[in-house]
Amino acid sequence: MTKKKKSTQDNLTTKNVVNLNRSLPKVLVDIFIQGDIFTKLSFLIMGFSNMVRGQIIKGCIFLATEIAFIYFLLIDKGGLFMLKGLTTLGEIEAKPASGFTAMQPGDDSRKFLLFGVATVVLCLLFIVIWAESIRSGYIAQLATDAKKKPNSFYRDIKEYFDGKIHRTLLFIPIMGILLMTIIPIFFMICMAFTNFDKDHNGEMQLFDWRGLEAFNKVLNMGGGDKYSYTFWHLLGWTLIWAVLATFTCYIGGIVIAMLINSKQVKFKAFWRTMFIMTAATPQFVTLLLMKTYLAENGLLNGILTSAGIIEKNIDWLGTPNMARFMCILVNFWIGVPFTILITTGILQNIPVDLYEAAKVDGANTKTIFLKITLPYMLFVTTPYLIQTFVGNINNFNVIYLLTNGEPTTMDYSNAGKTDLLITWLYKLSMDFKEYNVASVIGILVFAICATLSLVVFRNTGAYNNEEEFQ
């Protein structure tokens, strides 16, 4: 078998250049110290070292990138204009039409914020390309110093479809994440530090930077602001909801799966099929039907009244505690089939020898469940539990479609008793145009979810004892 010929770059790269454990500034300093005059000039003229050493096409691509970036910065209403606009968020307000005078358009703070954030991201991306051009120029220098020919452009392209195919495959997804996720996230984060609301919509009335004003409004522990009172109460209910919604479905799913899986139960395939059919029903259809079913004049009250169980209709979704209980109950109905499907597969893969050995040792059903079944289930399903818990913190559908956050209360600011933080965020942004406060809530929800996920997962057996578990 012939050995694959390594590229010049593979043979000549040094630890100082390609060691990913070193920080980028240190790598660039090392290259500047070790590089010759052409490599040093590459810090100012991208691709110069490549072109001098015969890599004309690669050098021209780097140089064209630099020229295009400088052009973007200097053109009218280009990068520098957007960066300046990011600091001011606009200076000229629009003047509404009056009498015979037409409306005079002004600056749009929203565009300055969005394009400013996009420009910052583009600048960071350019820095990455600039650093890569310096690294590439230094590798070309090493090849020349070793009396070897630097890689041709064709060889570099071929590498991206061979040894570096992972970079080629990841390029489009990374660009998609950058455009569709990173920039919108930073745009939302920046909104939290402004006064972007219904009175400052960015078009007719400019908004500006206000620092931590919106955070103080939401997090004020003294309760002096209605937003803070609403936030802390909804945070408490959101966490209670997430715990109950997660573990009722989890425990209920395990119990039902074990019952179906037991030897005494017949027609196992039938019962599993019934639950699969329940899970296959679109969630929003189930929620809207349940909302009608649980209405004060709905079908449930009609059945109970006809049966003589109640004399007066019960408003199942009209009082805070009852509405919250029904939300948890309906979520159980929707969520437990998925847990049954997951736990059924896990139960069928627990080694039978463990159960037989436990029975020989005289263990009863309770002991077998607590010492064998449950630990095995928890180990395997810990990531699923964490994902479900975080998903329930952000469970928009159940609350919004079933109760719409009701019943309403005057104690809260634009929220109802069953609202979660995520549904309150939606109402603040879509119904009441309080974009800055909604952005703060979004940041806090993300911080809560990320912290809980990382802390809990890193302290579980699924993370710490993966190799020891048998």
Protein backbone atom coordinates (compact mmCIF):
# COMPACT_ATOMS: atom_id res chain seq x y z
CA MET A 1 0.00 0.00 0.00
CA THR A 2 1.43 3.39 -0.97
CA LYS A 3 1.53 6.08 1.65
CA LYS A 4 -0.47 9.19 1.01
CA LYS A 5 1.82 12.05 0.05
CA LYS A 6 1.70 14.84 2.59
CA SER A 7 1.35 18.41 1.47
CA THR A 8 4.15 20.93 1.97
CA GLN A 9 2.01 22.62 4.58
CA ASP A 10 1.76 19.37 6.59
CA ASN A 11 5.54 18.91 6.50
CA LEU A 12 6.53 22.45 7.41
CA THR A 13 3.97 23.85 9.83
CA THR A 14 5.49 24.56 13.22
CA LYS A 15 4.00 24.24 16.66
CA ASN A 16 4.00 28.00 17.20
CA VAL A 17 1.84 28.52 14.12
CA VAL A 18 -0.66 25.72 14.21
CA ASN A 19 -0.94 24.85 17.92
CA LEU A 20 -4.63 25.47 18.61
CA ASN A 21 -3.98 25.66 22.36
CA ARG A 22 -2.12 28.94 21.93
CA SER A 23 -4.00 32.19 21.78
CA LEU A 24 -4.22 34.01 18.47
CA PRO A 25 -2.26 37.11 19.64
CA LYS A 26 0.68 34.91 20.76
CA VAL A 27 0.70 33.06 17.45
CA LEU A 28 0.71 36.33 15.50
CA VAL A 29 3.53 37.71 17.65
CA ASP A 30 5.59 34.56 17.03
CA ILE A 31 5.02 34.84 13.29
CA PHE A 32 6.00 38.53 13.29
CA ILE A 33 9.22 37.71 15.16
CA GLN A 34 10.15 34.68 13.06
CA GLY A 35 8.93 35.99 9.72
CA ASP A 36 11.02 37.70 7.06
CA ILE A 37 10.27 41.10 5.53
CA PHE A 38 7.65 39.71 3.16
CA THR A 39 5.80 37.95 5.98
CA LYS A 40 5.91 41.12 8.06
CA LEU A 41 4.47 43.10 5.15
CA SER A 42 1.61 40.59 5.05
CA PHE A 43 0.39 42.14 8.29
CA LEU A 44 -0.43 45.25 6.23
CA ILE A 45 -0.92 43.83 2.74
CA MET A 46 -2.84 40.59 2.95
CA GLY A 47 -1.46 37.83 0.73
CA PHE A 48 1.82 39.64 0.00
CA SER A 49 4.00 36.78 1.28
CA ASN A 50 1.96 34.28 -0.73
CA MET A 51 2.27 36.22 -3.98
CA VAL A 52 6.02 36.75 -3.58
CA ARG A 53 6.49 33.00 -3.12
CA GLY A 54 4.45 31.93 -6.13
CA GLN A 55 1.01 31.45 -4.58
CA ILE A 56 -0.46 34.12 -6.84
CA ILE A 57 -4.12 33.07 -6.79
CA LYS A 58 -4.26 32.59 -3.01
CA GLY A 59 -2.46 35.89 -2.43
CA CYS A 60 -4.82 37.72 -4.79
CA ILE A 61 -7.84 36.28 -2.99
CA PHE A 62 -6.52 37.53 0.36
CA LEU A 63 -5.69 40.93 -1.14
CA ALA A 64 -9.12 41.20 -2.80
CA THR A 65 -10.74 40.42 0.54
CA GLU A 66 -8.79 43.24 2.18
CA ILE A 67 -9.65 45.71 -0.58
CA ALA A 68 -13.33 44.77 -0.44
CA PHE A 69 -13.39 45.19 3.33
CA ILE A 70 -11.71 48.61 3.18
CA TYR A 71 -14.12 49.66 0.42
CA PHE A 72 -17.06 48.52 2.56
CA LEU A 73 -15.79 50.60 5.47
CA LEU A 74 -15.22 53.78 3.44
CA ILE A 75 -18.21 53.93 1.08
CA ASP A 76 -21.11 56.24 1.80
CA LYS A 77 -23.29 54.73 4.54
CA GLY A 78 -20.88 51.84 4.75
CA GLY A 79 -19.14 50.15 7.64
CA LEU A 80 -17.75 53.23 9.40
CA PHE A 81 -21.11 54.95 9.08
CA MET A 82 -22.84 51.93 10.61
CA LEU A 83 -20.31 51.69 13.45
CA LYS A 84 -20.86 55.36 14.24
CA GLY A 85 -24.61 54.80 14.04
CA LEU A 86 -24.28 51.93 16.49
CA THR A 87 -22.97 54.37 19.10
CA THR A 88 -25.63 57.04 18.49
CA LEU A 89 -28.58 54.90 17.23
CA GLY A 90 -29.59 57.82 15.03
CA GLU A 91 -29.58 61.58 15.41
CA ILE A 92 -32.38 62.90 13.17
CA GLU A 93 -35.96 62.14 14.18
CA ALA A 94 -38.70 61.90 11.59
CA LYS A 95 -41.15 64.80 11.44
CA PRO A 96 -44.82 63.83 10.99
CA ALA A 97 -46.94 65.41 8.28
CA SER A 98 -48.69 68.62 9.29
CA GLY A 99 -50.89 70.80 7.12
CA PHE A 100 -49.34 71.07 3.68
CA THR A 101 -46.00 69.70 4.86
CA ALA A 102 -45.28 66.08 4.02
CA MET A 103 -43.70 63.78 6.52
CA GLN A 104 -39.95 64.17 6.64
CA PRO A 105 -38.23 60.81 7.23
CA GLY A 106 -35.36 60.62 9.69
CA ASP A 107 -32.98 58.00 11.03
CA ASP A 108 -34.19 54.55 12.01
CA SER A 109 -32.63 53.36 15.27
CA ARG A 110 -33.58 49.75 14.51
CA LYS A 111 -31.56 49.72 11.30
CA PHE A 112 -28.58 51.38 12.96
CA LEU A 113 -28.64 48.75 15.70
CA LEU A 114 -29.08 45.79 13.33
CA PHE A 115 -26.57 46.89 10.70
CA GLY A 116 -24.16 48.04 13.41
CA VAL A 117 -24.20 44.60 15.02
CA ALA A 118 -23.81 42.98 11.59
CA THR A 119 -20.82 45.25 10.87
CA VAL A 120 -19.15 44.29 14.16
CA VAL A 121 -19.61 40.60 13.32
CA LEU A 122 -18.22 41.24 9.82
CA CYS A 123 -15.18 42.97 11.33
CA LEU A 124 -14.54 39.99 13.59
CA LEU A 125 -14.86 37.67 10.60
CA PHE A 126 -12.35 39.81 8.69
CA ILE A 127 -9.89 39.55 11.60
CA VAL A 128 -10.10 35.76 11.37
CA ILE A 129 -9.40 35.87 7.61
CA TRP A 130 -6.56 38.38 8.19
CA ALA A 131 -4.95 36.07 10.76
CA GLU A 132 -5.30 33.11 8.39
CA SER A 133 -3.62 35.09 5.59
CA ILE A 134 -0.64 35.81 7.88
CA ARG A 135 -0.43 32.17 8.91
CA SER A 136 -0.62 31.06 5.28
CA GLY A 137 2.12 33.52 4.30
CA TYR A 138 4.40 32.26 7.06
CA ILE A 139 3.88 28.63 5.99
CA ALA A 140 4.85 29.67 2.45
CA GLN A 141 8.01 31.26 3.89
CA LEU A 142 8.88 28.04 5.71
CA ALA A 143 8.51 26.09 2.47
CA THR A 144 10.78 28.50 0.60
CA ASP A 145 13.40 28.46 3.37
CA ALA A 146 13.42 24.65 3.21
CA LYS A 147 14.02 24.78 -0.56
CA LYS A 148 10.58 23.31 -1.21
CA LYS A 149 7.78 24.56 -3.37
CA PRO A 150 4.74 25.97 -1.50
CA ASN A 151 1.40 24.35 -2.15
CA SER A 152 -0.25 25.34 -5.39
CA PHE A 153 -3.77 26.76 -5.39
CA TYR A 154 -5.01 23.51 -6.95
CA ARG A 155 -3.38 21.52 -4.13
CA ASP A 156 -5.00 23.72 -1.49
CA ILE A 157 -8.43 23.32 -3.09
CA LYS A 158 -7.90 19.57 -3.33
CA GLU A 159 -7.10 19.47 0.40
CA TYR A 160 -10.50 21.01 1.17
CA PHE A 161 -12.11 18.03 -0.52
CA ASP A 162 -9.81 15.49 1.11
CA GLY A 163 -8.00 16.00 4.41
CA LYS A 164 -9.94 19.17 5.24
CA ILE A 165 -13.32 18.02 3.97
CA HIS A 166 -14.79 18.71 7.43
CA ARG A 167 -14.11 22.42 6.98
CA THR A 168 -15.81 22.41 3.59
CA LEU A 169 -18.88 20.63 4.93
CA LEU A 170 -19.12 22.93 7.95
CA PHE A 171 -18.75 26.18 6.00
CA ILE A 172 -22.39 26.58 4.90
CA PRO A 173 -23.88 25.54 8.30
CA ILE A 174 -21.54 27.95 10.10
CA MET A 175 -22.50 30.80 7.78
CA GLY A 176 -26.17 29.95 8.36
CA ILE A 177 -25.69 29.99 12.13
CA LEU A 178 -23.83 33.28 11.86
CA LEU A 179 -26.57 34.98 9.81
CA MET A 180 -29.66 33.35 11.29
CA THR A 181 -28.61 32.87 14.92
CA ILE A 182 -25.56 34.84 16.07
CA ILE A 183 -26.49 38.24 14.61
CA PRO A 184 -30.17 38.08 15.77
CA ILE A 185 -29.05 36.99 19.27
CA PHE A 186 -26.62 39.90 19.60
CA PHE A 187 -29.28 42.23 18.20
CA MET A 188 -31.70 41.05 20.89
CA ILE A 189 -29.06 41.37 23.62
CA CYS A 190 -28.29 44.93 22.55
CA MET A 191 -31.99 45.86 22.71
CA ALA A 192 -31.93 45.11 26.44
CA PHE A 193 -29.58 48.07 26.97
CA THR A 194 -31.82 50.60 25.18
CA ASN A 195 -35.20 52.23 25.78
CA PHE A 196 -36.75 50.51 22.73
CA ASP A 197 -40.47 50.44 23.56
CA LYS A 198 -43.84 51.69 22.30
CA ASP A 199 -42.86 55.29 23.06
CA HIS A 200 -39.51 54.94 21.29
CA ASN A 201 -40.16 52.70 18.30
CA GLY A 202 -36.95 53.66 16.51
CA GLU A 203 -38.67 55.08 13.43
CA MET A 204 -40.80 58.04 14.50
CA GLN A 205 -39.15 58.35 17.91
CA LEU A 206 -35.50 57.33 18.17
CA PHE A 207 -34.36 55.13 21.01
CA ASP A 208 -30.92 55.31 22.60
CA TRP A 209 -28.60 53.48 24.95
CA ARG A 210 -29.76 53.36 28.59
CA GLY A 211 -27.30 50.93 30.14
CA LEU A 212 -28.78 48.64 32.80
CA GLU A 213 -32.00 50.60 33.21
CA ALA A 214 -34.20 47.80 31.84
CA PHE A 215 -32.37 45.19 33.94
CA ASN A 216 -32.96 47.25 37.08
CA LYS A 217 -36.62 47.58 36.14
CA VAL A 218 -36.99 43.80 35.91
CA LEU A 219 -34.69 42.66 38.73
CA ASN A 220 -35.40 45.32 41.35
CA MET A 221 -35.45 43.16 44.47
CA GLY A 222 -37.24 45.84 46.46
CA GLY A 223 -40.37 45.28 44.42
CA GLY A 224 -40.69 48.98 43.74
CA ASP A 225 -41.41 48.36 40.08
CA LYS A 226 -44.37 46.35 38.82
CA TYR A 227 -42.15 44.61 36.28
CA SER A 228 -39.90 43.22 39.01
CA TYR A 229 -42.91 42.04 41.03
CA THR A 230 -44.25 40.26 37.95
CA PHE A 231 -40.87 38.78 37.04
CA TRP A 232 -40.13 37.20 40.42
CA HIS A 233 -43.62 35.74 40.76
CA LEU A 234 -43.61 34.37 37.22
CA LEU A 235 -40.09 32.99 37.72
CA GLY A 236 -41.33 31.05 40.75
CA TRP A 237 -44.32 29.66 38.86
CA THR A 238 -42.15 28.89 35.81
CA LEU A 239 -39.74 26.78 37.88
CA ILE A 240 -42.60 25.01 39.69
CA TRP A 241 -44.26 24.33 36.34
CA ALA A 242 -41.01 23.03 34.81
CA VAL A 243 -40.38 20.64 37.71
CA LEU A 244 -43.94 19.29 37.85
CA ALA A 245 -44.41 19.11 34.08
CA THR A 246 -41.10 17.27 33.69
CA PHE A 247 -41.35 14.74 36.50
CA THR A 248 -45.06 13.96 36.22
CA CYS A 249 -44.51 12.91 32.61
CA TYR A 250 -41.26 11.15 33.46
CA ILE A 251 -42.50 9.14 36.44
CA GLY A 252 -45.89 8.52 34.85
CA GLY A 253 -44.23 7.31 31.66
CA ILE A 254 -41.98 4.90 33.56
CA VAL A 255 -44.88 3.49 35.58
CA ILE A 256 -47.13 3.01 32.55
CA ALA A 257 -44.28 1.54 30.49
CA MET A 258 -43.50 -0.94 33.28
CA LEU A 259 -47.16 -1.91 33.54
CA ILE A 260 -47.41 -2.52 29.80
CA ASN A 261 -44.11 -4.39 29.86
CA SER A 262 -45.13 -6.68 32.75
CA LYS A 263 -45.93 -10.34 32.08
CA GLN A 264 -49.49 -10.02 33.41
CA VAL A 265 -50.56 -7.52 30.75
CA LYS A 266 -51.80 -8.90 27.44
CA PHE A 267 -52.06 -7.14 24.06
CA LYS A 268 -48.90 -5.12 24.70
CA ALA A 269 -48.68 -4.02 21.07
CA PHE A 270 -52.24 -2.67 21.22
CA TRP A 271 -51.59 -0.50 24.28
CA ARG A 272 -48.35 0.85 22.86
CA THR A 273 -50.08 1.65 19.59
CA MET A 274 -52.79 3.59 21.44
CA PHE A 275 -50.19 5.79 23.11
CA ILE A 276 -48.33 6.27 19.83
CA MET A 277 -51.57 7.45 18.23
CA THR A 278 -52.00 9.95 21.08
CA ALA A 279 -48.48 11.24 20.53
CA ALA A 280 -49.06 11.48 16.77
CA THR A 281 -51.93 13.96 17.20
CA PRO A 282 -50.67 17.53 16.58
CA GLN A 283 -50.14 19.23 19.91
CA PHE A 284 -51.94 22.44 19.04
CA VAL A 285 -55.04 20.46 18.00
CA THR A 286 -55.12 18.66 21.35
CA LEU A 287 -54.63 21.90 23.28
CA LEU A 288 -57.38 23.79 21.46
CA LEU A 289 -59.77 20.86 21.91
CA MET A 290 -58.92 20.67 25.61
CA LYS A 291 -59.50 24.41 25.97
CA THR A 292 -63.00 23.98 24.55
CA TYR A 293 -63.56 20.81 26.58
CA LEU A 294 -62.60 22.55 29.86
CA ALA A 295 -64.53 25.78 29.24
CA GLU A 296 -67.15 26.79 31.82
CA ASN A 297 -69.88 25.82 29.35
CA GLY A 298 -67.80 23.06 27.81
CA LEU A 299 -68.32 19.36 27.34
CA LEU A 300 -66.77 18.28 30.66
CA ASN A 301 -69.19 20.34 32.74
CA GLY A 302 -72.05 19.11 30.56
CA ILE A 303 -71.14 15.47 31.22
CA LEU A 304 -70.69 16.00 34.97
CA THR A 305 -73.97 17.92 35.23
CA SER A 306 -75.89 15.28 33.28
CA ALA A 307 -74.46 12.56 35.51
CA GLY A 308 -75.54 14.47 38.62
CA ILE A 309 -71.98 14.76 39.92
CA ILE A 310 -72.07 18.57 40.03
CA GLU A 311 -74.95 21.02 40.17
CA LYS A 312 -73.12 24.13 39.03
CA ASN A 313 -70.61 24.48 36.22
CA ILE A 314 -66.99 24.61 37.34
CA ASP A 315 -64.73 27.20 35.75
CA TRP A 316 -61.76 24.88 35.28
CA LEU A 317 -59.56 27.59 33.76
CA GLY A 318 -61.00 30.59 35.61
CA THR A 319 -59.17 30.48 38.96
CA PRO A 320 -55.37 30.58 39.32
CA ASN A 321 -54.79 27.33 41.21
CA MET A 322 -57.33 25.32 39.22
CA ALA A 323 -56.01 26.68 35.91
CA ARG A 324 -52.43 25.81 36.86
CA PHE A 325 -53.47 22.31 37.91
CA MET A 326 -55.28 21.78 34.61
CA CYS A 327 -52.21 22.99 32.69
CA ILE A 328 -50.08 20.35 34.42
CA LEU A 329 -52.75 17.68 33.86
CA VAL A 330 -53.14 18.46 30.15
CA ASN A 331 -49.36 18.57 29.74
CA PHE A 332 -49.23 15.11 31.33
CA TRP A 333 -51.73 13.85 28.77
CA ILE A 334 -49.66 15.30 25.93
CA GLY A 335 -46.19 14.44 27.20
CA VAL A 336 -46.46 11.02 28.83
CA PRO A 337 -46.72 9.03 25.53
CA PHE A 338 -43.24 10.23 24.50
CA THR A 339 -41.79 9.13 27.84
CA ILE A 340 -43.51 5.75 27.48
CA LEU A 341 -41.90 5.21 24.08
CA ILE A 342 -38.44 6.14 25.39
CA THR A 343 -38.62 4.15 28.62
CA THR A 344 -40.09 1.10 26.89
CA GLY A 345 -36.99 0.80 24.75
CA ILE A 346 -34.72 1.27 27.76
CA LEU A 347 -36.61 -1.26 29.90
CA GLN A 348 -36.29 -3.87 27.18
CA ASN A 349 -32.51 -3.37 27.15
CA ILE A 350 -31.88 -3.75 30.88
CA PRO A 351 -30.01 -7.08 31.28
CA VAL A 352 -32.37 -9.80 32.50
CA ASP A 353 -29.49 -11.29 34.51
CA LEU A 354 -29.66 -8.35 36.91
CA TYR A 355 -33.30 -9.05 37.73
CA GLU A 356 -32.70 -12.78 38.11
CA ALA A 357 -29.72 -12.23 40.41
CA ALA A 358 -31.74 -9.80 42.54
CA LYS A 359 -34.58 -12.29 42.89
CA VAL A 360 -32.14 -15.03 43.92
CA ASP A 361 -30.84 -12.68 46.63
CA GLY A 362 -34.40 -12.25 47.88
CA ALA A 363 -35.05 -8.70 46.64
CA ASN A 364 -38.70 -7.70 46.39
CA THR A 365 -40.32 -5.69 43.60
CA LYS A 366 -39.76 -2.35 45.35
CA THR A 367 -36.07 -3.05 45.94
CA ILE A 368 -35.55 -4.20 42.36
CA PHE A 369 -37.15 -0.99 41.07
CA LEU A 370 -35.15 1.31 43.37
CA LYS A 371 -31.80 -0.47 43.03
CA ILE A 372 -31.83 -1.65 39.41
CA THR A 373 -34.55 -0.16 37.21
CA LEU A 374 -34.56 3.45 38.44
CA PRO A 375 -30.75 3.94 38.55
CA TYR A 376 -30.45 2.46 35.06
CA MET A 377 -33.25 4.69 33.78
CA LEU A 378 -31.82 7.82 35.39
CA PHE A 379 -28.35 7.18 34.01
CA VAL A 380 -29.59 6.70 30.46
CA THR A 381 -32.26 9.42 30.48
CA THR A 382 -30.45 12.21 32.36
CA PRO A 383 -29.74 14.22 29.17
CA TYR A 384 -33.38 13.70 28.14
CA LEU A 385 -34.57 14.92 31.57
CA ILE A 386 -32.43 18.05 31.35
CA GLN A 387 -33.62 18.74 27.81
CA THR A 388 -37.24 18.23 28.86
CA PHE A 389 -36.85 20.50 31.89
CA VAL A 390 -35.36 23.30 29.79
CA GLY A 391 -38.04 22.71 27.17
CA ASN A 392 -40.76 23.09 29.80
CA ILE A 393 -39.27 26.38 31.00
CA ASN A 394 -39.79 27.53 27.41
CA ASN A 395 -43.04 25.59 26.87
CA PHE A 396 -44.95 28.27 25.01
CA ASN A 397 -47.62 26.11 23.38
CA VAL A 398 -49.31 24.53 26.40
CA ILE A 399 -49.80 27.77 28.32
CA TYR A 400 -50.57 30.08 25.41
CA LEU A 401 -52.99 27.78 23.59
CA LEU A 402 -54.71 26.39 26.69
CA THR A 403 -55.12 29.45 28.93
CA ASN A 404 -53.39 32.34 27.12
CA GLY A 405 -51.93 33.14 30.54
CA GLU A 406 -55.34 33.70 32.10
CA PRO A 407 -56.85 34.33 34.57
CA THR A 408 -55.66 37.93 34.40
CA THR A 409 -54.75 39.95 37.45
CA MET A 410 -54.11 43.61 38.21
CA ASP A 411 -51.12 42.64 40.36
CA TYR A 412 -49.00 41.71 37.35
CA SER A 413 -47.73 43.92 34.55
CA ASN A 414 -49.25 42.69 31.27
CA ALA A 415 -49.34 39.06 32.44
CA GLY A 416 -51.77 36.51 33.84
CA LYS A 417 -51.56 34.00 36.67
CA THR A 418 -50.66 31.06 34.43
CA ASP A 419 -48.17 32.92 32.25
CA LEU A 420 -44.62 31.61 32.08
CA LEU A 421 -41.68 33.90 31.49
CA ILE A 422 -41.67 32.89 27.82
CA THR A 423 -45.35 33.74 27.28
CA TRP A 424 -44.92 37.01 29.19
CA LEU A 425 -41.96 37.80 26.92
CA TYR A 426 -44.18 37.17 23.88
CA LYS A 427 -46.94 39.45 25.18
CA LEU A 428 -44.52 42.22 26.07
CA SER A 429 -42.95 42.21 22.62
CA MET A 430 -45.94 41.46 20.37
CA ASP A 431 -48.87 43.02 22.25
CA PHE A 432 -47.34 45.82 24.33
CA LYS A 433 -44.18 46.68 22.31
CA GLU A 434 -41.93 46.64 25.40
CA TYR A 435 -38.99 45.30 23.42
CA ASN A 436 -36.24 46.27 25.86
CA VAL A 437 -37.92 44.58 28.83
CA ALA A 438 -38.71 41.52 26.69
CA SER A 439 -35.04 41.31 25.69
CA VAL A 440 -33.98 41.39 29.33
CA ILE A 441 -36.36 38.52 30.10
CA GLY A 442 -35.00 36.58 27.12
CA ILE A 443 -31.43 37.02 28.39
CA LEU A 444 -32.40 35.96 31.92
CA VAL A 445 -34.30 32.89 30.69
CA PHE A 446 -31.27 31.87 28.63
CA ALA A 447 -28.96 32.37 31.62
CA ILE A 448 -31.23 30.28 33.86
CA CYS A 449 -31.54 27.45 31.32
CA ALA A 450 -27.83 27.38 30.49
CA THR A 451 -26.75 27.46 34.15
CA LEU A 452 -29.16 24.76 35.27
CA SER A 453 -28.30 22.53 32.31
CA LEU A 454 -24.54 22.76 32.79
CA VAL A 455 -24.53 22.49 36.58
CA VAL A 456 -26.99 19.59 36.75
CA PHE A 457 -25.45 17.62 33.88
CA ARG A 458 -21.88 17.97 35.16
CA ASN A 459 -22.97 16.58 38.54
CA THR A 460 -24.79 13.52 37.23
CA GLY A 461 -23.61 9.97 36.73
CA ALA A 462 -24.18 10.26 32.99
CA TYR A 463 -21.29 12.77 32.89
CA ASN A 464 -19.00 11.62 35.71
CA ASN A 465 -19.33 7.82 35.67
CA GLU A 466 -19.96 6.94 32.05
CA GLU A 467 -17.12 4.41 31.85
CA GLU A 468 -17.88 2.85 35.26
CA PHE A 469 -21.56 2.25 34.58
CA GLN A 470 -22.40 -1.31 33.65
